[in-house]
Amino acid sequence: MDLNEDFFKHYHYKTELAAICRQHRLPASGTKTVLNQRLQALVAGQRLDTPTSKVKRLAKPVKELSVTTPLANSGFSFNAAARQFFAAYFHVSKFAFTKPMAVLKRQAEAQPQLALTVADLIDVYQATRNSKARQQFLAENAEEKTYEWNRFVHDFFADPATRQFRPRLKVAAILWQQIKQSTAPKQYVHSLLQAYHEAIAGYVQTSSEIDQ
């Protein structure tokens, strides 16, 4: 199979990506997103710094959590300190981490360029409290999600105009559902914000809320 830029325009199973990684003498372990990134770097002729486990071992536990604490490369983890932070934030005696939170954390580690923070974890937790919303979120973030969805989220977060929304990932999912049901290219473009304004208007935050 030819490995070029067109390769990433199509859907591929994780097992297929792992096999191609082995063919090119690349590590075949990790999530589907990680495998995609390795192959993309190979095609682009970039240096492949695959031993990400070293970064995790060297990362020191974060001393003080806040809503601006990065989820990637900061030492953040779902430990007792984090549980205590979320319990205090939500004013509950006990706090349990949820599967959507774990999914978002893995996504943050696989795609550090998204610059996801503890605030995004809070958003996801609040947005997926009911069963229907949780199932929809997990369906969009399943391990076998397409490369198109990964690229869509990446480009969505890269657009400064999307900072006005909260939770941003929820808005990205809404727009994704809209274009999935249309004949439009399955990619994020700025014009989608206007095209589907009514569907996402309820997620716009005020200037003071954005600055918090």
N, C-alpha and C. Protein backbone atom coordinates (compact mmCIF):
# COMPACT_ATOMS: atom_id res chain seq x y z
N MET A 1 0.84 -1.20 0.00
CA MET A 1 0.00 0.00 0.00
C MET A 1 0.88 1.24 0.00
N ASP A 2 0.58 2.18 -0.90
CA ASP A 2 1.36 3.40 -0.99
C ASP A 2 1.06 4.29 0.21
N LEU A 3 2.14 4.77 0.83
CA LEU A 3 1.99 5.64 1.99
C LEU A 3 2.31 7.07 1.55
N ASN A 4 1.28 7.86 1.32
CA ASN A 4 1.45 9.26 0.93
C ASN A 4 0.34 10.08 1.57
N GLU A 5 0.27 11.35 1.21
CA GLU A 5 -0.72 12.24 1.83
C GLU A 5 -2.15 11.78 1.56
N ASP A 6 -2.39 11.19 0.40
CA ASP A 6 -3.74 10.72 0.07
C ASP A 6 -4.17 9.56 0.97
N PHE A 7 -3.20 8.85 1.50
CA PHE A 7 -3.49 7.72 2.38
C PHE A 7 -4.35 8.14 3.56
N PHE A 8 -4.09 9.34 4.09
CA PHE A 8 -4.76 9.79 5.30
C PHE A 8 -6.14 10.39 5.03
N LYS A 9 -6.55 10.42 3.77
CA LYS A 9 -7.88 10.92 3.44
C LYS A 9 -8.93 9.82 3.57
N HIS A 10 -8.47 8.60 3.82
CA HIS A 10 -9.38 7.46 3.89
C HIS A 10 -9.36 6.85 5.28
N TYR A 11 -10.40 6.09 5.57
CA TYR A 11 -10.50 5.43 6.86
C TYR A 11 -9.65 4.16 6.88
N HIS A 12 -8.95 3.95 8.00
CA HIS A 12 -8.12 2.76 8.16
C HIS A 12 -8.33 2.21 9.57
N TYR A 13 -8.41 0.89 9.68
CA TYR A 13 -8.53 0.27 10.99
C TYR A 13 -7.20 0.35 11.73
N LYS A 14 -7.28 0.29 13.04
CA LYS A 14 -6.09 0.37 13.87
C LYS A 14 -5.12 -0.76 13.54
N THR A 15 -5.65 -1.96 13.31
CA THR A 15 -4.78 -3.10 12.99
C THR A 15 -4.02 -2.87 11.69
N GLU A 16 -4.67 -2.20 10.74
CA GLU A 16 -4.02 -1.89 9.47
C GLU A 16 -2.89 -0.89 9.67
N LEU A 17 -3.15 0.13 10.48
CA LEU A 17 -2.13 1.14 10.76
C LEU A 17 -0.94 0.53 11.49
N ALA A 18 -1.23 -0.39 12.42
CA ALA A 18 -0.15 -1.05 13.16
C ALA A 18 0.72 -1.88 12.22
N ALA A 19 0.09 -2.57 11.29
CA ALA A 19 0.84 -3.39 10.33
C ALA A 19 1.74 -2.53 9.46
N ILE A 20 1.24 -1.37 9.03
CA ILE A 20 2.04 -0.47 8.20
C ILE A 20 3.21 0.10 9.00
N CYS A 21 2.96 0.40 10.27
CA CYS A 21 4.05 0.88 11.13
C CYS A 21 5.16 -0.16 11.22
N ARG A 22 4.78 -1.42 11.38
CA ARG A 22 5.79 -2.48 11.47
C ARG A 22 6.56 -2.60 10.16
N GLN A 23 5.87 -2.43 9.03
CA GLN A 23 6.54 -2.50 7.73
C GLN A 23 7.62 -1.43 7.59
N HIS A 24 7.39 -0.30 8.21
CA HIS A 24 8.34 0.81 8.13
C HIS A 24 9.23 0.88 9.37
N ARG A 25 9.27 -0.21 10.13
CA ARG A 25 10.12 -0.33 11.31
C ARG A 25 9.82 0.76 12.34
N LEU A 26 8.54 1.02 12.52
CA LEU A 26 8.08 1.96 13.54
C LEU A 26 7.37 1.19 14.64
N PRO A 27 7.35 1.70 15.87
CA PRO A 27 6.60 1.04 16.94
C PRO A 27 5.13 0.89 16.53
N ALA A 28 4.56 -0.27 16.79
CA ALA A 28 3.18 -0.54 16.39
C ALA A 28 2.22 -0.50 17.57
N SER A 29 2.68 0.00 18.71
CA SER A 29 1.82 0.08 19.88
C SER A 29 1.23 1.48 20.00
N GLY A 30 0.24 1.62 20.87
CA GLY A 30 -0.37 2.92 21.09
C GLY A 30 -1.77 3.00 20.50
N THR A 31 -2.41 4.14 20.71
CA THR A 31 -3.77 4.34 20.21
C THR A 31 -3.75 4.57 18.71
N LYS A 32 -4.92 4.57 18.11
CA LYS A 32 -5.02 4.80 16.67
C LYS A 32 -4.50 6.19 16.31
N THR A 33 -4.76 7.15 17.17
CA THR A 33 -4.27 8.51 16.93
C THR A 33 -2.76 8.55 16.89
N VAL A 34 -2.13 7.86 17.84
CA VAL A 34 -0.66 7.83 17.90
C VAL A 34 -0.09 7.17 16.65
N LEU A 35 -0.69 6.07 16.21
CA LEU A 35 -0.22 5.39 15.00
C LEU A 35 -0.34 6.30 13.79
N ASN A 36 -1.45 7.02 13.70
CA ASN A 36 -1.63 7.98 12.60
C ASN A 36 -0.54 9.04 12.62
N GLN A 37 -0.23 9.54 13.80
CA GLN A 37 0.77 10.60 13.92
C GLN A 37 2.15 10.10 13.50
N ARG A 38 2.47 8.86 13.84
CA ARG A 38 3.78 8.31 13.45
C ARG A 38 3.90 8.23 11.93
N LEU A 39 2.83 7.75 11.30
CA LEU A 39 2.87 7.61 9.85
C LEU A 39 2.85 8.97 9.16
N GLN A 40 2.13 9.92 9.72
CA GLN A 40 2.12 11.27 9.15
C GLN A 40 3.50 11.90 9.23
N ALA A 41 4.17 11.70 10.35
CA ALA A 41 5.51 12.24 10.52
C ALA A 41 6.48 11.60 9.53
N LEU A 42 6.29 10.30 9.29
CA LEU A 42 7.15 9.59 8.34
C LEU A 42 6.98 10.16 6.94
N VAL A 43 5.72 10.36 6.53
CA VAL A 43 5.45 10.90 5.19
C VAL A 43 6.00 12.32 5.05
N ALA A 44 5.90 13.09 6.14
CA ALA A 44 6.36 14.48 6.11
C ALA A 44 7.87 14.61 6.25
N GLY A 45 8.55 13.47 6.50
CA GLY A 45 9.99 13.50 6.65
C GLY A 45 10.44 14.12 7.95
N GLN A 46 9.57 14.08 8.96
CA GLN A 46 9.90 14.66 10.25
C GLN A 46 10.61 13.64 11.12
N ARG A 47 11.33 14.17 12.10
CA ARG A 47 12.02 13.30 13.05
C ARG A 47 10.98 12.60 13.91
N LEU A 48 11.13 11.32 14.10
CA LEU A 48 10.16 10.54 14.84
C LEU A 48 10.63 10.34 16.27
N ASP A 49 10.05 11.08 17.19
CA ASP A 49 10.36 10.93 18.60
C ASP A 49 9.29 10.07 19.23
N THR A 50 9.38 8.77 18.98
CA THR A 50 8.31 7.87 19.40
C THR A 50 8.32 7.46 20.86
N PRO A 51 9.48 7.45 21.56
CA PRO A 51 9.45 6.97 22.94
C PRO A 51 8.80 7.98 23.88
N THR A 52 7.49 8.18 23.73
CA THR A 52 6.80 9.15 24.57
C THR A 52 6.74 8.72 26.03
N SER A 53 6.98 7.44 26.29
CA SER A 53 6.92 6.97 27.66
C SER A 53 7.98 7.64 28.52
N LYS A 54 9.10 8.05 27.91
CA LYS A 54 10.15 8.72 28.66
C LYS A 54 9.64 10.04 29.21
N VAL A 55 8.83 10.73 28.41
CA VAL A 55 8.29 12.01 28.86
C VAL A 55 7.40 11.80 30.07
N LYS A 56 6.62 10.74 30.04
CA LYS A 56 5.72 10.47 31.16
C LYS A 56 6.51 10.14 32.42
N ARG A 57 7.61 9.40 32.30
CA ARG A 57 8.38 9.02 33.47
C ARG A 57 9.09 10.23 34.07
N LEU A 58 9.52 11.16 33.21
CA LEU A 58 10.26 12.31 33.69
C LEU A 58 9.37 13.43 34.19
N ALA A 59 8.11 13.42 33.80
CA ALA A 59 7.20 14.48 34.20
C ALA A 59 6.95 14.42 35.70
N LYS A 60 7.16 15.53 36.38
CA LYS A 60 6.94 15.59 37.82
C LYS A 60 5.47 15.88 38.10
N PRO A 61 4.96 15.32 39.20
CA PRO A 61 3.57 15.58 39.54
C PRO A 61 3.34 17.08 39.68
N VAL A 62 2.23 17.56 39.17
CA VAL A 62 1.93 18.98 39.26
C VAL A 62 1.70 19.35 40.73
N LYS A 63 2.29 20.47 41.16
CA LYS A 63 2.24 20.86 42.57
C LYS A 63 0.88 21.42 42.96
N GLU A 64 0.32 22.27 42.12
CA GLU A 64 -0.95 22.90 42.45
C GLU A 64 -1.85 22.93 41.23
N LEU A 65 -3.00 22.30 41.34
CA LEU A 65 -3.92 22.23 40.21
C LEU A 65 -4.75 23.50 40.09
N SER A 66 -5.07 23.86 38.86
CA SER A 66 -5.98 24.96 38.58
C SER A 66 -6.68 24.64 37.27
N VAL A 67 -7.64 25.44 36.89
CA VAL A 67 -8.38 25.18 35.65
C VAL A 67 -7.50 25.37 34.42
N THR A 68 -6.37 26.05 34.58
CA THR A 68 -5.47 26.29 33.45
C THR A 68 -4.35 25.26 33.35
N THR A 69 -4.32 24.29 34.26
CA THR A 69 -3.27 23.26 34.23
C THR A 69 -3.40 22.43 32.95
N PRO A 70 -2.34 22.33 32.14
CA PRO A 70 -2.40 21.52 30.91
C PRO A 70 -2.58 20.04 31.25
N LEU A 71 -3.27 19.32 30.40
CA LEU A 71 -3.46 17.88 30.60
C LEU A 71 -2.27 17.08 30.08
N ALA A 72 -1.51 17.68 29.16
CA ALA A 72 -0.37 16.98 28.57
C ALA A 72 0.94 17.59 29.05
N ASN A 73 1.90 16.71 29.34
CA ASN A 73 3.26 17.12 29.69
C ASN A 73 3.35 18.07 30.88
N SER A 74 2.43 17.92 31.83
CA SER A 74 2.46 18.77 33.02
C SER A 74 2.58 17.97 34.30
N GLY A 75 2.49 16.65 34.17
CA GLY A 75 2.50 15.81 35.36
C GLY A 75 1.10 15.55 35.89
N PHE A 76 0.09 16.08 35.22
CA PHE A 76 -1.28 15.87 35.68
C PHE A 76 -1.68 14.41 35.53
N SER A 77 -2.38 13.90 36.53
CA SER A 77 -2.88 12.53 36.46
C SER A 77 -4.14 12.42 37.31
N PHE A 78 -4.88 11.35 37.11
CA PHE A 78 -6.09 11.13 37.89
C PHE A 78 -5.70 10.49 39.23
N ASN A 79 -5.15 11.28 40.11
CA ASN A 79 -4.71 10.79 41.41
C ASN A 79 -5.56 11.39 42.52
N ALA A 80 -5.13 11.17 43.76
CA ALA A 80 -5.90 11.66 44.91
C ALA A 80 -5.98 13.18 44.93
N ALA A 81 -4.89 13.84 44.53
CA ALA A 81 -4.88 15.30 44.51
C ALA A 81 -5.89 15.84 43.50
N ALA A 82 -5.95 15.21 42.34
CA ALA A 82 -6.90 15.63 41.31
C ALA A 82 -8.33 15.37 41.77
N ARG A 83 -8.54 14.23 42.42
CA ARG A 83 -9.88 13.91 42.92
C ARG A 83 -10.33 14.95 43.94
N GLN A 84 -9.39 15.36 44.80
CA GLN A 84 -9.70 16.37 45.81
C GLN A 84 -10.02 17.72 45.16
N PHE A 85 -9.27 18.05 44.11
CA PHE A 85 -9.50 19.32 43.41
C PHE A 85 -10.91 19.36 42.81
N PHE A 86 -11.29 18.28 42.11
CA PHE A 86 -12.60 18.25 41.47
C PHE A 86 -13.73 18.20 42.50
N ALA A 87 -13.49 17.52 43.62
CA ALA A 87 -14.51 17.47 44.68
C ALA A 87 -14.76 18.87 45.23
N ALA A 88 -13.67 19.63 45.41
CA ALA A 88 -13.81 21.01 45.91
C ALA A 88 -14.47 21.90 44.86
N TYR A 89 -14.11 21.69 43.61
CA TYR A 89 -14.66 22.52 42.53
C TYR A 89 -16.17 22.34 42.41
N PHE A 90 -16.62 21.09 42.50
CA PHE A 90 -18.05 20.79 42.34
C PHE A 90 -18.80 20.75 43.68
N HIS A 91 -18.09 21.05 44.77
CA HIS A 91 -18.70 21.11 46.10
C HIS A 91 -19.38 19.79 46.48
N VAL A 92 -18.64 18.71 46.30
CA VAL A 92 -19.13 17.38 46.69
C VAL A 92 -18.12 16.73 47.61
N SER A 93 -18.58 15.80 48.44
CA SER A 93 -17.67 15.14 49.38
C SER A 93 -16.79 14.12 48.68
N LYS A 94 -17.33 13.46 47.66
CA LYS A 94 -16.57 12.47 46.91
C LYS A 94 -16.74 12.73 45.42
N PHE A 95 -15.66 12.53 44.67
CA PHE A 95 -15.73 12.74 43.22
C PHE A 95 -15.19 11.51 42.51
N ALA A 96 -15.89 11.08 41.48
CA ALA A 96 -15.46 9.92 40.69
C ALA A 96 -15.16 10.36 39.26
N PHE A 97 -13.98 10.03 38.77
CA PHE A 97 -13.63 10.35 37.39
C PHE A 97 -14.51 9.53 36.45
N THR A 98 -14.84 10.10 35.31
CA THR A 98 -15.72 9.42 34.36
C THR A 98 -14.95 8.98 33.11
N LYS A 99 -15.58 8.10 32.36
CA LYS A 99 -14.94 7.61 31.14
C LYS A 99 -14.71 8.72 30.12
N PRO A 100 -15.67 9.64 29.92
CA PRO A 100 -15.40 10.74 28.99
C PRO A 100 -14.19 11.57 29.40
N MET A 101 -13.98 11.74 30.70
CA MET A 101 -12.81 12.48 31.18
C MET A 101 -11.54 11.74 30.81
N ALA A 102 -11.56 10.42 30.96
CA ALA A 102 -10.39 9.61 30.62
C ALA A 102 -10.10 9.67 29.12
N VAL A 103 -11.17 9.66 28.32
CA VAL A 103 -11.02 9.75 26.86
C VAL A 103 -10.37 11.07 26.49
N LEU A 104 -10.84 12.17 27.09
CA LEU A 104 -10.29 13.49 26.78
C LEU A 104 -8.83 13.58 27.20
N LYS A 105 -8.48 13.00 28.34
CA LYS A 105 -7.10 13.03 28.81
C LYS A 105 -6.19 12.29 27.84
N ARG A 106 -6.63 11.13 27.34
CA ARG A 106 -5.83 10.39 26.37
C ARG A 106 -5.67 11.20 25.08
N GLN A 107 -6.75 11.87 24.68
CA GLN A 107 -6.68 12.70 23.48
C GLN A 107 -5.70 13.85 23.67
N ALA A 108 -5.69 14.43 24.86
CA ALA A 108 -4.77 15.53 25.15
C ALA A 108 -3.32 15.07 25.08
N GLU A 109 -3.06 13.86 25.56
CA GLU A 109 -1.70 13.32 25.55
C GLU A 109 -1.27 12.93 24.15
N ALA A 110 -2.22 12.45 23.35
CA ALA A 110 -1.90 12.04 21.98
C ALA A 110 -1.76 13.24 21.05
N GLN A 111 -2.48 14.33 21.36
CA GLN A 111 -2.46 15.53 20.53
C GLN A 111 -2.20 16.76 21.41
N PRO A 112 -0.99 16.90 21.92
CA PRO A 112 -0.68 18.03 22.82
C PRO A 112 -0.90 19.39 22.17
N GLN A 113 -0.89 19.44 20.84
CA GLN A 113 -1.10 20.72 20.15
C GLN A 113 -2.49 21.29 20.40
N LEU A 114 -3.41 20.47 20.89
CA LEU A 114 -4.75 20.97 21.21
C LEU A 114 -4.75 21.84 22.46
N ALA A 115 -3.70 21.72 23.27
CA ALA A 115 -3.54 22.54 24.48
C ALA A 115 -4.74 22.42 25.42
N LEU A 116 -5.23 21.20 25.60
CA LEU A 116 -6.36 20.98 26.49
C LEU A 116 -5.93 21.15 27.94
N THR A 117 -6.83 21.67 28.77
CA THR A 117 -6.52 21.94 30.16
C THR A 117 -7.55 21.30 31.08
N VAL A 118 -7.36 21.48 32.39
CA VAL A 118 -8.30 20.98 33.37
C VAL A 118 -9.69 21.57 33.12
N ALA A 119 -9.75 22.80 32.63
CA ALA A 119 -11.04 23.43 32.31
C ALA A 119 -11.81 22.61 31.28
N ASP A 120 -11.09 22.01 30.33
CA ASP A 120 -11.75 21.18 29.32
C ASP A 120 -12.29 19.90 29.94
N LEU A 121 -11.58 19.36 30.94
CA LEU A 121 -12.08 18.19 31.66
C LEU A 121 -13.37 18.53 32.38
N ILE A 122 -13.39 19.71 32.99
CA ILE A 122 -14.60 20.16 33.69
C ILE A 122 -15.76 20.29 32.70
N ASP A 123 -15.47 20.86 31.55
CA ASP A 123 -16.50 21.02 30.52
C ASP A 123 -17.08 19.67 30.11
N VAL A 124 -16.19 18.71 29.85
CA VAL A 124 -16.63 17.39 29.40
C VAL A 124 -17.43 16.70 30.49
N TYR A 125 -16.98 16.81 31.73
CA TYR A 125 -17.71 16.20 32.84
C TYR A 125 -19.13 16.75 32.93
N GLN A 126 -19.25 18.06 32.83
CA GLN A 126 -20.57 18.69 32.93
C GLN A 126 -21.45 18.38 31.72
N ALA A 127 -20.82 18.32 30.55
CA ALA A 127 -21.59 18.10 29.32
C ALA A 127 -22.05 16.65 29.15
N THR A 128 -21.46 15.73 29.90
CA THR A 128 -21.77 14.31 29.72
C THR A 128 -22.36 13.67 30.97
N ARG A 129 -23.00 14.48 31.79
CA ARG A 129 -23.58 13.94 33.02
C ARG A 129 -24.77 13.02 32.74
N ASN A 130 -25.57 13.34 31.74
CA ASN A 130 -26.69 12.44 31.44
C ASN A 130 -26.25 11.35 30.48
N SER A 131 -26.96 10.25 30.53
CA SER A 131 -26.57 9.05 29.79
C SER A 131 -26.51 9.28 28.28
N LYS A 132 -27.48 9.99 27.73
CA LYS A 132 -27.53 10.20 26.28
C LYS A 132 -26.32 11.00 25.80
N ALA A 133 -26.00 12.08 26.51
CA ALA A 133 -24.86 12.91 26.13
C ALA A 133 -23.56 12.13 26.27
N ARG A 134 -23.47 11.31 27.32
CA ARG A 134 -22.27 10.51 27.54
C ARG A 134 -22.07 9.50 26.41
N GLN A 135 -23.14 8.84 26.01
CA GLN A 135 -23.05 7.86 24.93
C GLN A 135 -22.66 8.51 23.61
N GLN A 136 -23.21 9.70 23.36
CA GLN A 136 -22.88 10.41 22.12
C GLN A 136 -21.41 10.81 22.10
N PHE A 137 -20.93 11.30 23.24
CA PHE A 137 -19.52 11.70 23.33
C PHE A 137 -18.60 10.51 23.10
N LEU A 138 -18.90 9.41 23.76
CA LEU A 138 -18.06 8.22 23.63
C LEU A 138 -18.11 7.66 22.22
N ALA A 139 -19.26 7.76 21.56
CA ALA A 139 -19.38 7.28 20.18
C ALA A 139 -18.48 8.09 19.26
N GLU A 140 -18.39 9.39 19.50
CA GLU A 140 -17.57 10.25 18.66
C GLU A 140 -16.08 10.10 18.98
N ASN A 141 -15.78 9.58 20.17
CA ASN A 141 -14.39 9.47 20.58
C ASN A 141 -13.95 8.02 20.78
N ALA A 142 -14.64 7.10 20.13
CA ALA A 142 -14.27 5.69 20.22
C ALA A 142 -12.87 5.48 19.66
N GLU A 143 -12.22 4.41 20.09
CA GLU A 143 -10.84 4.14 19.69
C GLU A 143 -10.70 4.05 18.17
N GLU A 144 -11.77 3.56 17.51
CA GLU A 144 -11.71 3.39 16.07
C GLU A 144 -12.30 4.58 15.30
N LYS A 145 -12.34 5.74 15.92
CA LYS A 145 -12.87 6.90 15.20
C LYS A 145 -11.99 7.19 14.00
N THR A 146 -12.54 7.81 13.01
CA THR A 146 -11.82 8.03 11.77
C THR A 146 -10.79 9.13 11.87
N TYR A 147 -9.84 9.07 10.93
CA TYR A 147 -8.83 10.12 10.85
C TYR A 147 -9.50 11.46 10.56
N GLU A 148 -10.60 11.43 9.84
CA GLU A 148 -11.31 12.67 9.51
C GLU A 148 -11.76 13.40 10.77
N TRP A 149 -12.27 12.66 11.74
CA TRP A 149 -12.70 13.27 13.00
C TRP A 149 -11.51 13.86 13.74
N ASN A 150 -10.40 13.16 13.78
CA ASN A 150 -9.20 13.67 14.44
C ASN A 150 -8.76 14.99 13.82
N ARG A 151 -8.71 15.01 12.50
CA ARG A 151 -8.28 16.22 11.80
C ARG A 151 -9.30 17.35 12.00
N PHE A 152 -10.58 17.00 12.03
CA PHE A 152 -11.63 18.00 12.23
C PHE A 152 -11.45 18.68 13.58
N VAL A 153 -11.24 17.89 14.63
CA VAL A 153 -11.05 18.44 15.97
C VAL A 153 -9.80 19.31 16.03
N HIS A 154 -8.72 18.82 15.43
CA HIS A 154 -7.46 19.57 15.41
C HIS A 154 -7.66 20.94 14.77
N ASP A 155 -8.30 20.98 13.61
CA ASP A 155 -8.50 22.24 12.90
C ASP A 155 -9.51 23.14 13.62
N PHE A 156 -10.49 22.53 14.27
CA PHE A 156 -11.48 23.30 15.03
C PHE A 156 -10.80 24.05 16.17
N PHE A 157 -9.96 23.34 16.93
CA PHE A 157 -9.28 23.96 18.06
C PHE A 157 -8.24 24.98 17.60
N ALA A 158 -7.74 24.81 16.39
CA ALA A 158 -6.73 25.74 15.87
C ALA A 158 -7.34 27.07 15.45
N ASP A 159 -8.66 27.10 15.28
CA ASP A 159 -9.34 28.34 14.89
C ASP A 159 -9.61 29.18 16.13
N PRO A 160 -8.99 30.35 16.28
CA PRO A 160 -9.19 31.20 17.47
C PRO A 160 -10.65 31.55 17.71
N ALA A 161 -11.45 31.57 16.65
CA ALA A 161 -12.86 31.93 16.79
C ALA A 161 -13.64 30.94 17.63
N THR A 162 -13.13 29.71 17.77
CA THR A 162 -13.86 28.69 18.53
C THR A 162 -13.66 28.84 20.03
N ARG A 163 -12.80 29.76 20.45
CA ARG A 163 -12.57 29.97 21.89
C ARG A 163 -13.79 30.58 22.57
N GLN A 164 -14.71 31.09 21.79
CA GLN A 164 -15.91 31.70 22.36
C GLN A 164 -16.92 30.66 22.83
N PHE A 165 -16.67 29.38 22.48
CA PHE A 165 -17.62 28.33 22.84
C PHE A 165 -17.16 27.55 24.07
N ARG A 166 -18.13 27.03 24.82
CA ARG A 166 -17.84 26.20 25.96
C ARG A 166 -18.99 25.24 26.16
N PRO A 167 -18.79 23.91 26.18
CA PRO A 167 -17.50 23.26 25.94
C PRO A 167 -17.17 23.18 24.45
N ARG A 168 -15.94 23.44 24.12
CA ARG A 168 -15.52 23.50 22.72
C ARG A 168 -15.66 22.14 22.03
N LEU A 169 -15.32 21.07 22.76
CA LEU A 169 -15.38 19.75 22.15
C LEU A 169 -16.83 19.37 21.81
N LYS A 170 -17.76 19.82 22.62
CA LYS A 170 -19.17 19.56 22.36
C LYS A 170 -19.60 20.26 21.08
N VAL A 171 -19.15 21.50 20.90
CA VAL A 171 -19.50 22.26 19.69
C VAL A 171 -18.88 21.60 18.46
N ALA A 172 -17.64 21.12 18.62
CA ALA A 172 -16.99 20.42 17.50
C ALA A 172 -17.81 19.20 17.10
N ALA A 173 -18.33 18.47 18.09
CA ALA A 173 -19.12 17.27 17.82
C ALA A 173 -20.43 17.62 17.10
N ILE A 174 -21.03 18.75 17.48
CA ILE A 174 -22.27 19.18 16.84
C ILE A 174 -22.02 19.49 15.36
N LEU A 175 -20.96 20.24 15.10
CA LEU A 175 -20.64 20.58 13.71
C LEU A 175 -20.28 19.34 12.91
N TRP A 176 -19.58 18.41 13.56
CA TRP A 176 -19.19 17.16 12.89
C TRP A 176 -20.42 16.37 12.46
N GLN A 177 -21.41 16.30 13.35
CA GLN A 177 -22.64 15.59 13.02
C GLN A 177 -23.35 16.25 11.83
N GLN A 178 -23.29 17.57 11.77
CA GLN A 178 -23.94 18.28 10.68
C GLN A 178 -23.30 17.94 9.33
N ILE A 179 -21.97 17.97 9.27
CA ILE A 179 -21.33 17.71 7.97
C ILE A 179 -21.33 16.23 7.63
N LYS A 180 -21.40 15.36 8.65
CA LYS A 180 -21.49 13.93 8.37
C LYS A 180 -22.77 13.61 7.61
N GLN A 181 -23.82 14.36 7.89
CA GLN A 181 -25.11 14.12 7.27
C GLN A 181 -25.29 14.90 5.97
N SER A 182 -24.24 15.61 5.56
CA SER A 182 -24.32 16.39 4.33
C SER A 182 -23.32 15.86 3.31
N THR A 183 -23.31 16.47 2.14
CA THR A 183 -22.36 16.09 1.10
C THR A 183 -21.11 16.95 1.13
N ALA A 184 -21.01 17.82 2.13
CA ALA A 184 -19.86 18.71 2.26
C ALA A 184 -18.61 17.91 2.62
N PRO A 185 -17.42 18.43 2.31
CA PRO A 185 -16.18 17.75 2.68
C PRO A 185 -16.13 17.53 4.19
N LYS A 186 -15.63 16.39 4.62
CA LYS A 186 -15.59 16.08 6.04
C LYS A 186 -14.36 16.71 6.69
N GLN A 187 -14.36 18.04 6.71
CA GLN A 187 -13.25 18.78 7.30
C GLN A 187 -13.76 20.08 7.88
N TYR A 188 -13.02 20.59 8.87
CA TYR A 188 -13.46 21.84 9.50
C TYR A 188 -12.99 23.05 8.70
N VAL A 189 -13.90 23.98 8.48
CA VAL A 189 -13.58 25.28 7.89
C VAL A 189 -14.32 26.33 8.71
N HIS A 190 -13.75 27.52 8.77
CA HIS A 190 -14.30 28.58 9.61
C HIS A 190 -15.76 28.89 9.28
N SER A 191 -16.13 28.77 8.03
CA SER A 191 -17.49 29.11 7.60
C SER A 191 -18.57 28.24 8.24
N LEU A 192 -18.18 27.09 8.81
CA LEU A 192 -19.16 26.23 9.47
C LEU A 192 -19.79 26.93 10.67
N LEU A 193 -19.03 27.82 11.32
CA LEU A 193 -19.55 28.52 12.49
C LEU A 193 -20.76 29.38 12.13
N GLN A 194 -20.74 29.95 10.94
CA GLN A 194 -21.86 30.76 10.49
C GLN A 194 -22.96 29.89 9.87
N ALA A 195 -22.55 28.87 9.14
CA ALA A 195 -23.52 28.01 8.48
C ALA A 195 -24.44 27.30 9.47
N TYR A 196 -23.89 26.91 10.64
CA TYR A 196 -24.67 26.20 11.64
C TYR A 196 -24.76 27.02 12.93
N HIS A 197 -24.88 28.33 12.75
CA HIS A 197 -24.92 29.25 13.89
C HIS A 197 -26.03 28.90 14.87
N GLU A 198 -27.21 28.59 14.37
CA GLU A 198 -28.34 28.31 15.24
C GLU A 198 -28.10 27.07 16.10
N ALA A 199 -27.41 26.09 15.56
CA ALA A 199 -27.18 24.84 16.29
C ALA A 199 -26.19 25.00 17.43
N ILE A 200 -25.30 25.99 17.34
CA ILE A 200 -24.25 26.15 18.35
C ILE A 200 -24.34 27.46 19.12
N ALA A 201 -25.35 28.27 18.83
CA ALA A 201 -25.48 29.58 19.48
C ALA A 201 -25.58 29.47 21.00
N GLY A 202 -26.17 28.40 21.48
CA GLY A 202 -26.34 28.24 22.92
C GLY A 202 -25.07 27.96 23.68
N TYR A 203 -23.96 27.75 22.98
CA TYR A 203 -22.69 27.44 23.63
C TYR A 203 -21.73 28.62 23.61
N VAL A 204 -22.19 29.79 23.15
CA VAL A 204 -21.34 30.97 23.12
C VAL A 204 -21.24 31.55 24.53
N GLN A 205 -20.00 31.86 24.96
CA GLN A 205 -19.76 32.43 26.28
C GLN A 205 -19.55 33.93 26.18
N THR A 206 -19.79 34.62 27.29
CA THR A 206 -19.53 36.06 27.33
C THR A 206 -18.04 36.30 27.45
N SER A 207 -17.60 37.52 27.22
CA SER A 207 -16.18 37.86 27.29
C SER A 207 -15.61 37.58 28.67
N SER A 208 -16.36 37.88 29.72
CA SER A 208 -15.88 37.65 31.08
C SER A 208 -15.73 36.18 31.38
N GLU A 209 -16.64 35.35 30.84
CA GLU A 209 -16.57 33.91 31.06
C GLU A 209 -15.39 33.30 30.33
N ILE A 210 -15.08 33.83 29.13
CA ILE A 210 -13.96 33.32 28.35
C ILE A 210 -12.65 33.60 29.04
N ASP A 211 -12.55 34.77 29.71
CA ASP A 211 -11.30 35.18 30.37
C ASP A 211 -11.06 34.45 31.67
N GLN A 212 -12.07 33.79 32.22
CA GLN A 212 -11.90 33.10 33.50
C GLN A 212 -11.01 31.89 33.37
